[in-house]
Amino acid sequence: MPTIYNIENDPCEEDNLIASKAWVFRAYMQAIGEYYKSLQTYPNPRGVSLTKFHE
């Protein structure tokens, strides 16, 4: 379950808005869905190893 905070009104992130503001969940999941679709066309680059060096 995602956690969503209003950091302007709640800088300590103590009040998770997902319980009191259910409308946020739909918009959040829509944005996540669009991101996952974009990964098919534009995949994330591979991570860089800081311990294995190539000659």
PDB file of N, CA and C in Angstrom:
ATOM      1  N   MET A   1       0.847  -1.174   0.000  1.00  0.00           N
ATOM      2  CA  MET A   1       0.000   0.000   0.000  1.00  0.00           C
ATOM      3  C   MET A   1       0.892   1.235   0.000  1.00  0.00           C
ATOM      4  N   PRO A   2       0.629   2.184  -0.873  1.00  0.00           N
ATOM      5  CA  PRO A   2       1.467   3.389  -0.902  1.00  0.00           C
ATOM      6  C   PRO A   2       1.212   4.279   0.308  1.00  0.00           C
ATOM      7  N   THR A   3       2.176   5.087   0.609  1.00  0.00           N
ATOM      8  CA  THR A   3       2.018   6.105   1.639  1.00  0.00           C
ATOM      9  C   THR A   3       2.160   7.461   0.964  1.00  0.00           C
ATOM     10  N   ILE A   4       1.228   8.358   1.270  1.00  0.00           N
ATOM     11  CA  ILE A   4       1.217   9.684   0.666  1.00  0.00           C
ATOM     12  C   ILE A   4       1.082  10.705   1.788  1.00  0.00           C
ATOM     13  N   TYR A   5       1.979  11.680   1.791  1.00  0.00           N
ATOM     14  CA  TYR A   5       1.996  12.698   2.836  1.00  0.00           C
ATOM     15  C   TYR A   5       1.954  14.085   2.212  1.00  0.00           C
ATOM     16  N   ASN A   6       1.363  15.026   2.926  1.00  0.00           N
ATOM     17  CA  ASN A   6       1.423  16.430   2.563  1.00  0.00           C
ATOM     18  C   ASN A   6       2.585  17.009   3.350  1.00  0.00           C
ATOM     19  N   ILE A   7       3.746  17.083   2.718  1.00  0.00           N
ATOM     20  CA  ILE A   7       4.933  17.489   3.463  1.00  0.00           C
ATOM     21  C   ILE A   7       4.944  18.975   3.824  1.00  0.00           C
ATOM     22  N   GLU A   8       4.065  19.748   3.200  1.00  0.00           N
ATOM     23  CA  GLU A   8       3.965  21.160   3.589  1.00  0.00           C
ATOM     24  C   GLU A   8       3.249  21.290   4.932  1.00  0.00           C
ATOM     25  N   ASN A   9       2.155  20.562   5.095  1.00  0.00           N
ATOM     26  CA  ASN A   9       1.395  20.617   6.347  1.00  0.00           C
ATOM     27  C   ASN A   9       1.869  19.602   7.374  1.00  0.00           C
ATOM     28  N   ASP A  10       2.566  18.552   6.937  1.00  0.00           N
ATOM     29  CA  ASP A  10       2.992  17.475   7.818  1.00  0.00           C
ATOM     30  C   ASP A  10       4.445  17.110   7.514  1.00  0.00           C
ATOM     31  N   PRO A  11       5.405  17.982   7.860  1.00  0.00           N
ATOM     32  CA  PRO A  11       6.800  17.733   7.491  1.00  0.00           C
ATOM     33  C   PRO A  11       7.402  16.494   8.156  1.00  0.00           C
ATOM     34  N   CYS A  12       6.836  16.035   9.249  1.00  0.00           N
ATOM     35  CA  CYS A  12       7.352  14.829   9.923  1.00  0.00           C
ATOM     36  C   CYS A  12       6.751  13.552   9.357  1.00  0.00           C
ATOM     37  N   GLU A  13       5.873  13.676   8.381  1.00  0.00           N
ATOM     38  CA  GLU A  13       5.226  12.540   7.716  1.00  0.00           C
ATOM     39  C   GLU A  13       4.581  11.596   8.725  1.00  0.00           C
ATOM     40  N   GLU A  14       3.681  12.132   9.519  1.00  0.00           N
ATOM     41  CA  GLU A  14       2.994  11.340  10.536  1.00  0.00           C
ATOM     42  C   GLU A  14       1.571  10.969  10.137  1.00  0.00           C
ATOM     43  N   ASP A  15       0.965  11.708   9.202  1.00  0.00           N
ATOM     44  CA  ASP A  15      -0.426  11.482   8.811  1.00  0.00           C
ATOM     45  C   ASP A  15      -0.468  10.975   7.366  1.00  0.00           C
ATOM     46  N   ASN A  16      -0.642   9.653   7.188  1.00  0.00           N
ATOM     47  CA  ASN A  16      -0.734   9.064   5.864  1.00  0.00           C
ATOM     48  C   ASN A  16      -2.087   9.431   5.262  1.00  0.00           C
ATOM     49  N   LEU A  17      -2.088  10.160   4.154  1.00  0.00           N
ATOM     50  CA  LEU A  17      -3.320  10.652   3.559  1.00  0.00           C
ATOM     51  C   LEU A  17      -4.112   9.583   2.815  1.00  0.00           C
ATOM     52  N   ILE A  18      -3.532   8.440   2.581  1.00  0.00           N
ATOM     53  CA  ILE A  18      -4.231   7.414   1.812  1.00  0.00           C
ATOM     54  C   ILE A  18      -5.501   6.968   2.543  1.00  0.00           C
ATOM     55  N   ALA A  19      -5.517   7.030   3.862  1.00  0.00           N
ATOM     56  CA  ALA A  19      -6.692   6.610   4.632  1.00  0.00           C
ATOM     57  C   ALA A  19      -7.770   7.687   4.647  1.00  0.00           C
ATOM     58  N   SER A  20      -7.378   8.942   4.752  1.00  0.00           N
ATOM     59  CA  SER A  20      -8.367  10.009   4.884  1.00  0.00           C
ATOM     60  C   SER A  20      -8.733  10.670   3.552  1.00  0.00           C
ATOM     61  N   LYS A  21      -7.898  10.539   2.560  1.00  0.00           N
ATOM     62  CA  LYS A  21      -8.132  11.147   1.243  1.00  0.00           C
ATOM     63  C   LYS A  21      -8.061  10.060   0.180  1.00  0.00           C
ATOM     64  N   ALA A  22      -9.076   9.217   0.115  1.00  0.00           N
ATOM     65  CA  ALA A  22      -9.058   8.040  -0.767  1.00  0.00           C
ATOM     66  C   ALA A  22      -8.937   8.423  -2.240  1.00  0.00           C
ATOM     67  N   TRP A  23      -9.368   9.611  -2.650  1.00  0.00           N
ATOM     68  CA  TRP A  23      -9.291  10.019  -4.050  1.00  0.00           C
ATOM     69  C   TRP A  23      -7.845  10.072  -4.535  1.00  0.00           C
ATOM     70  N   VAL A  24      -6.904  10.279  -3.633  1.00  0.00           N
ATOM     71  CA  VAL A  24      -5.495  10.367  -4.006  1.00  0.00           C
ATOM     72  C   VAL A  24      -4.997   9.025  -4.543  1.00  0.00           C
ATOM     73  N   PHE A  25      -5.514   7.930  -4.003  1.00  0.00           N
ATOM     74  CA  PHE A  25      -5.050   6.600  -4.383  1.00  0.00           C
ATOM     75  C   PHE A  25      -5.250   6.340  -5.870  1.00  0.00           C
ATOM     76  N   ARG A  26      -6.391   6.725  -6.422  1.00  0.00           N
ATOM     77  CA  ARG A  26      -6.661   6.489  -7.843  1.00  0.00           C
ATOM     78  C   ARG A  26      -5.680   7.260  -8.725  1.00  0.00           C
ATOM     79  N   ALA A  27      -5.454   8.522  -8.417  1.00  0.00           N
ATOM     80  CA  ALA A  27      -4.512   9.325  -9.201  1.00  0.00           C
ATOM     81  C   ALA A  27      -3.092   8.772  -9.072  1.00  0.00           C
ATOM     82  N   TYR A  28      -2.741   8.321  -7.888  1.00  0.00           N
ATOM     83  CA  TYR A  28      -1.432   7.737  -7.640  1.00  0.00           C
ATOM     84  C   TYR A  28      -1.238   6.481  -8.482  1.00  0.00           C
ATOM     85  N   MET A  29      -2.211   5.586  -8.462  1.00  0.00           N
ATOM     86  CA  MET A  29      -2.105   4.343  -9.210  1.00  0.00           C
ATOM     87  C   MET A  29      -2.111   4.591 -10.722  1.00  0.00           C
ATOM     88  N   GLN A  30      -2.813   5.622 -11.177  1.00  0.00           N
ATOM     89  CA  GLN A  30      -2.812   5.972 -12.594  1.00  0.00           C
ATOM     90  C   GLN A  30      -1.411   6.413 -13.017  1.00  0.00           C
ATOM     91  N   ALA A  31      -0.770   7.229 -12.201  1.00  0.00           N
ATOM     92  CA  ALA A  31       0.585   7.689 -12.516  1.00  0.00           C
ATOM     93  C   ALA A  31       1.566   6.519 -12.522  1.00  0.00           C
ATOM     94  N   ILE A  32       1.413   5.596 -11.580  1.00  0.00           N
ATOM     95  CA  ILE A  32       2.286   4.420 -11.529  1.00  0.00           C
ATOM     96  C   ILE A  32       2.067   3.550 -12.768  1.00  0.00           C
ATOM     97  N   GLY A  33       0.805   3.380 -13.187  1.00  0.00           N
ATOM     98  CA  GLY A  33       0.500   2.602 -14.380  1.00  0.00           C
ATOM     99  C   GLY A  33       1.119   3.198 -15.634  1.00  0.00           C
ATOM    100  N   GLU A  34       1.068   4.520 -15.762  1.00  0.00           N
ATOM    101  CA  GLU A  34       1.677   5.189 -16.912  1.00  0.00           C
ATOM    102  C   GLU A  34       3.199   5.008 -16.905  1.00  0.00           C
ATOM    103  N   TYR A  35       3.772   5.047 -15.727  1.00  0.00           N
ATOM    104  CA  TYR A  35       5.216   4.838 -15.616  1.00  0.00           C
ATOM    105  C   TYR A  35       5.589   3.426 -16.074  1.00  0.00           C
ATOM    106  N   TYR A  36       4.852   2.418 -15.607  1.00  0.00           N
ATOM    107  CA  TYR A  36       5.141   1.037 -16.003  1.00  0.00           C
ATOM    108  C   TYR A  36       4.985   0.844 -17.510  1.00  0.00           C
ATOM    109  N   LYS A  37       4.005   1.482 -18.116  1.00  0.00           N
ATOM    110  CA  LYS A  37       3.843   1.394 -19.573  1.00  0.00           C
ATOM    111  C   LYS A  37       5.035   2.026 -20.292  1.00  0.00           C
ATOM    112  N   SER A  38       5.537   3.131 -19.763  1.00  0.00           N
ATOM    113  CA  SER A  38       6.658   3.814 -20.403  1.00  0.00           C
ATOM    114  C   SER A  38       7.932   2.975 -20.334  1.00  0.00           C
ATOM    115  N   LEU A  39       8.033   2.073 -19.370  1.00  0.00           N
ATOM    116  CA  LEU A  39       9.223   1.235 -19.256  1.00  0.00           C
ATOM    117  C   LEU A  39       9.362   0.276 -20.429  1.00  0.00           C
ATOM    118  N   GLN A  40       8.262  -0.066 -21.079  1.00  0.00           N
ATOM    119  CA  GLN A  40       8.335  -0.942 -22.241  1.00  0.00           C
ATOM    120  C   GLN A  40       9.062  -0.250 -23.391  1.00  0.00           C
ATOM    121  N   THR A  41       8.831   1.038 -23.559  1.00  0.00           N
ATOM    122  CA  THR A  41       9.477   1.801 -24.626  1.00  0.00           C
ATOM    123  C   THR A  41      10.823   2.359 -24.178  1.00  0.00           C
ATOM    124  N   TYR A  42      10.887   2.833 -22.955  1.00  0.00           N
ATOM    125  CA  TYR A  42      12.086   3.471 -22.424  1.00  0.00           C
ATOM    126  C   TYR A  42      12.512   2.776 -21.129  1.00  0.00           C
ATOM    127  N   PRO A  43      13.157   1.612 -21.227  1.00  0.00           N
ATOM    128  CA  PRO A  43      13.545   0.886 -20.008  1.00  0.00           C
ATOM    129  C   PRO A  43      14.613   1.649 -19.225  1.00  0.00           C
ATOM    130  N   ASN A  44      14.641   1.401 -17.928  1.00  0.00           N
ATOM    131  CA  ASN A  44      15.666   2.007 -17.083  1.00  0.00           C
ATOM    132  C   ASN A  44      17.031   1.451 -17.463  1.00  0.00           C
ATOM    133  N   PRO A  45      18.082   2.284 -17.440  1.00  0.00           N
ATOM    134  CA  PRO A  45      19.413   1.765 -17.743  1.00  0.00           C
ATOM    135  C   PRO A  45      19.888   0.830 -16.625  1.00  0.00           C
ATOM    136  N   ARG A  46      20.804  -0.043 -16.969  1.00  0.00           N
ATOM    137  CA  ARG A  46      21.361  -0.945 -15.964  1.00  0.00           C
ATOM    138  C   ARG A  46      22.108  -0.155 -14.908  1.00  0.00           C
ATOM    139  N   GLY A  47      22.117  -0.676 -13.701  1.00  0.00           N
ATOM    140  CA  GLY A  47      22.839  -0.034 -12.610  1.00  0.00           C
ATOM    141  C   GLY A  47      24.350  -0.146 -12.799  1.00  0.00           C
ATOM    142  N   VAL A  48      25.058   0.713 -12.137  1.00  0.00           N
ATOM    143  CA  VAL A  48      26.512   0.747 -12.224  1.00  0.00           C
ATOM    144  C   VAL A  48      27.086   0.066 -10.987  1.00  0.00           C
ATOM    145  N   SER A  49      28.053  -0.799 -11.173  1.00  0.00           N
ATOM    146  CA  SER A  49      28.731  -1.450 -10.057  1.00  0.00           C
ATOM    147  C   SER A  49      29.866  -0.563  -9.583  1.00  0.00           C
ATOM    148  N   LEU A  50      29.922  -0.319  -8.309  1.00  0.00           N
ATOM    149  CA  LEU A  50      31.010   0.483  -7.750  1.00  0.00           C
ATOM    150  C   LEU A  50      32.129  -0.402  -7.226  1.00  0.00           C
ATOM    151  N   THR A  51      31.976  -1.732  -7.338  1.00  0.00           N
ATOM    152  CA  THR A  51      32.998  -2.634  -6.840  1.00  0.00           C
ATOM    153  C   THR A  51      33.653  -3.467  -7.940  1.00  0.00           C
ATOM    154  N   LYS A  52      33.029  -3.606  -9.092  1.00  0.00           N
ATOM    155  CA  LYS A  52      33.597  -4.378 -10.191  1.00  0.00           C
ATOM    156  C   LYS A  52      34.029  -3.421 -11.294  1.00  0.00           C
ATOM    157  N   PHE A  53      35.306  -3.389 -11.557  1.00  0.00           N
ATOM    158  CA  PHE A  53      35.840  -2.476 -12.550  1.00  0.00           C
ATOM    159  C   PHE A  53      36.293  -3.249 -13.780  1.00  0.00           C
ATOM    160  N   HIS A  54      36.100  -2.667 -14.941  1.00  0.00           N
ATOM    161  CA  HIS A  54      36.542  -3.265 -16.188  1.00  0.00           C
ATOM    162  C   HIS A  54      37.877  -2.654 -16.583  1.00  0.00           C
ATOM    163  N   GLU A  55      38.724  -3.446 -17.194  1.00  0.00           N
ATOM    164  CA  GLU A  55      40.026  -2.929 -17.611  1.00  0.00           C
ATOM    165  C   GLU A  55      39.931  -2.189 -18.917  1.00  0.00           C
TER     166      GLU A  55
END
